[in-house]
């Protein structure tokens, strides 16, 4: 069986090719064909690489359903899960002796929280814990409670702070 042969033209630089060489306008060697190495028609690209698949109606519905679930989850988190929240503010501390420190702090109850447990620490000059106490704080009608707590210490403390308050 004989193979079909293709005719190839030698590649030359512009300096080597004759300037007066005339080529018919419709031939593959015309000046316009220099740009034809890059397909400019969408059909040529589609035949080479395939068409881009569009998202089906079912896919669009799935994307919107997913976004709706994420939005509802955020609303649930922002309203229900954060319902029993408390915040606190350290006011002062007073080192009463080498074995105790008095810590004063405020607790603010938000959105239905009625009780909290606050962990109060006494620290030495190296910020090492030398005393700790968990305090149950009951809410009030105003939603704000000031607490004064004496913490027994294993050595002299230089400060007292509230580590955290958790709604119960």
Protein backbone atom coordinates (compact mmCIF):
# COMPACT_ATOMS: atom_id res chain seq x y z
CA UNK A 1 0.00 0.00 0.00
CA UNK A 2 1.27 3.39 -0.90
CA UNK A 3 1.15 6.20 1.58
CA UNK A 4 -0.26 9.54 0.53
CA UNK A 5 2.44 12.15 0.44
CA UNK A 6 2.08 15.72 1.48
CA UNK A 7 3.93 18.56 -0.10
CA UNK A 8 5.86 20.73 2.33
CA UNK A 9 7.25 24.16 1.64
CA UNK A 10 10.60 25.04 3.19
CA UNK A 11 10.48 27.53 6.05
CA UNK A 12 12.46 30.68 5.38
CA UNK A 13 12.97 33.89 7.29
CA UNK A 14 11.63 37.15 5.80
CA UNK A 15 15.18 38.14 4.83
CA UNK A 16 15.61 34.95 2.80
CA UNK A 17 12.26 34.94 1.01
CA UNK A 18 11.92 36.97 -2.16
CA UNK A 19 9.91 40.15 -1.66
CA UNK A 20 8.20 39.96 -5.01
CA UNK A 21 6.93 36.40 -4.60
CA UNK A 22 3.25 36.44 -5.40
CA UNK A 23 0.88 33.92 -3.90
CA UNK A 24 -2.77 33.54 -4.85
CA UNK A 25 -5.14 35.08 -2.26
CA UNK A 26 -7.01 31.89 -1.47
CA UNK A 27 -3.99 29.61 -1.07
CA UNK A 28 -2.66 28.31 2.24
CA UNK A 29 0.57 30.26 1.79
CA UNK A 30 -1.03 33.71 1.68
CA UNK A 31 -0.10 36.44 4.19
CA UNK A 32 -3.45 36.01 5.93
CA UNK A 33 -2.64 32.39 6.62
CA UNK A 34 0.10 33.39 9.08
CA UNK A 35 -2.69 34.10 11.54
CA UNK A 36 -4.47 30.89 10.68
CA UNK A 37 -2.10 28.90 12.89
CA UNK A 38 -4.24 30.15 15.78
CA UNK A 39 -7.87 29.19 15.28
CA UNK A 40 -10.12 32.20 15.55
CA UNK A 41 -13.48 30.58 15.16
CA UNK A 42 -15.29 29.09 18.15
CA UNK A 43 -16.26 26.04 16.10
CA UNK A 44 -12.61 25.22 15.46
CA UNK A 45 -11.84 25.45 19.17
CA UNK A 46 -14.89 23.36 20.02
CA UNK A 47 -13.90 20.69 17.53
CA UNK A 48 -10.41 20.61 18.96
CA UNK A 49 -11.12 20.82 22.69
CA UNK A 50 -14.80 20.03 22.99
CA UNK A 51 -17.64 22.25 24.04
CA UNK A 52 -17.93 23.59 27.58
CA UNK A 53 -20.73 21.85 29.38
CA UNK A 54 -23.35 24.11 30.86
CA UNK A 55 -24.75 23.50 34.32
CA UNK A 56 -27.98 21.60 34.02
CA UNK A 57 -31.21 22.82 35.55
CA UNK A 58 -30.79 20.20 38.25
CA UNK A 59 -27.29 21.50 38.97
CA UNK A 60 -28.49 25.10 39.25
CA UNK A 61 -31.20 24.03 41.68
CA UNK A 62 -28.58 22.11 43.68
CA UNK A 63 -26.29 25.14 43.90
CA UNK A 64 -29.12 27.38 45.10
CA UNK A 65 -30.27 24.73 47.59
CA UNK A 66 -26.73 24.51 48.96
CA UNK A 67 -26.51 28.28 49.35
CA UNK A 68 -29.90 28.30 51.10
CA UNK A 69 -28.70 25.65 53.57
CA UNK A 70 -25.57 27.68 54.32
CA UNK A 71 -27.64 30.84 54.86
CA UNK A 72 -30.08 29.03 57.18
CA UNK A 73 -27.16 27.54 59.10
CA UNK A 74 -25.70 31.00 59.64
CA UNK A 75 -29.04 32.38 60.84
CA UNK A 76 -29.44 29.42 63.23
CA UNK A 77 -25.93 29.93 64.59
CA UNK A 78 -26.41 33.68 65.03
CA UNK A 79 -29.78 33.43 66.78
CA UNK A 80 -30.13 30.09 68.56
CA UNK A 81 -26.62 28.89 69.35
CA UNK A 82 -25.44 32.30 70.58
CA UNK A 83 -28.56 32.71 72.72
CA UNK A 84 -27.04 31.97 76.13
CA UNK A 85 -24.10 34.32 75.93
CA UNK A 86 -22.38 36.19 78.74
CA UNK A 87 -19.58 38.73 78.70
CA UNK A 88 -17.42 39.97 81.54
CA UNK A 89 -15.14 42.84 82.41
CA UNK A 90 -12.37 42.85 85.01
CA UNK A 91 -12.71 45.91 87.25
CA UNK A 92 -10.05 45.67 89.93
CA UNK A 93 -8.04 43.44 92.21
CA UNK A 94 -6.73 43.93 95.73
CA UNK A 95 -3.95 41.82 97.21
CA UNK A 96 -5.26 41.42 100.75
CA UNK A 97 -2.43 39.26 102.09
CA UNK A 98 0.20 36.77 100.99
CA UNK A 99 -2.54 34.14 100.95
CA UNK A 100 -5.51 35.88 99.27
CA UNK A 101 -6.53 38.37 96.58
CA UNK A 102 -9.90 40.09 96.08
CA UNK A 103 -11.06 40.36 92.44
CA UNK A 104 -13.97 42.60 91.37
CA UNK A 105 -15.60 42.05 87.96
CA UNK A 106 -18.87 42.64 86.09
CA UNK A 107 -20.86 39.98 84.24
CA UNK A 108 -23.33 40.96 81.51
CA UNK A 109 -26.05 38.45 80.59
CA UNK A 110 -27.31 38.47 76.98
CA UNK A 111 -30.36 36.94 75.25
CA UNK A 112 -31.91 34.79 77.90
CA UNK A 113 -28.83 33.66 79.81
CA UNK A 114 -29.72 33.39 83.49
CA UNK A 115 -26.69 31.81 85.12
CA UNK A 116 -22.94 31.66 84.45
CA UNK A 117 -19.85 30.02 85.87
CA UNK A 118 -16.80 32.29 85.91
CA UNK A 119 -13.24 31.06 86.42
CA UNK A 120 -11.10 33.58 88.32
CA UNK A 121 -7.29 33.26 88.56
CA UNK A 122 -4.71 34.77 90.89
CA UNK A 123 -1.28 35.21 89.30
CA UNK A 124 2.21 35.86 90.67
CA UNK A 125 4.80 38.23 89.09
CA UNK A 126 5.77 35.54 86.55
CA UNK A 127 2.09 35.19 85.48
CA UNK A 128 1.98 31.74 87.02
CA UNK A 129 -1.32 30.69 88.53
CA UNK A 130 -1.15 30.70 92.34
CA UNK A 131 -4.91 30.52 92.98
CA UNK A 132 -8.11 29.64 91.15
CA UNK A 133 -11.82 29.69 91.91
CA UNK A 134 -14.95 28.89 89.90
CA UNK A 135 -17.81 31.22 90.84
CA UNK A 136 -21.50 30.70 90.01
CA UNK A 137 -23.10 34.00 89.01
CA UNK A 138 -26.89 34.35 88.99
CA UNK A 139 -28.46 36.81 86.55
CA UNK A 140 -30.42 39.87 87.64
CA UNK A 141 -33.34 41.85 86.21
CA UNK A 142 -30.95 44.42 84.76
CA UNK A 143 -28.80 41.72 83.12
CA UNK A 144 -25.62 43.05 84.77
CA UNK A 145 -24.07 41.72 87.99
CA UNK A 146 -20.98 42.96 89.84
CA UNK A 147 -19.06 40.25 91.70
CA UNK A 148 -16.37 40.46 94.39
CA UNK A 149 -14.50 37.19 94.89
CA UNK A 150 -11.72 36.36 97.33
CA UNK A 151 -9.29 33.78 95.98
CA UNK A 152 -7.03 31.84 98.35
CA UNK A 153 -3.46 31.67 97.02
CA UNK A 154 -0.49 29.37 97.51
CA UNK A 155 1.90 32.36 97.51
CA UNK A 156 1.51 36.12 97.23
CA UNK A 157 -0.35 37.13 94.09
CA UNK A 158 0.28 40.31 92.14
CA UNK A 159 -2.94 40.31 90.13
CA UNK A 160 -6.31 38.64 89.79
CA UNK A 161 -8.21 38.18 86.52
CA UNK A 162 -11.32 36.49 85.15
CA UNK A 163 -10.22 33.78 82.71
CA UNK A 164 -13.68 33.01 81.33
CA UNK A 165 -17.40 33.00 82.01
CA UNK A 166 -19.64 30.33 80.51
CA UNK A 167 -23.42 30.51 80.45
CA UNK A 168 -25.19 27.59 82.15
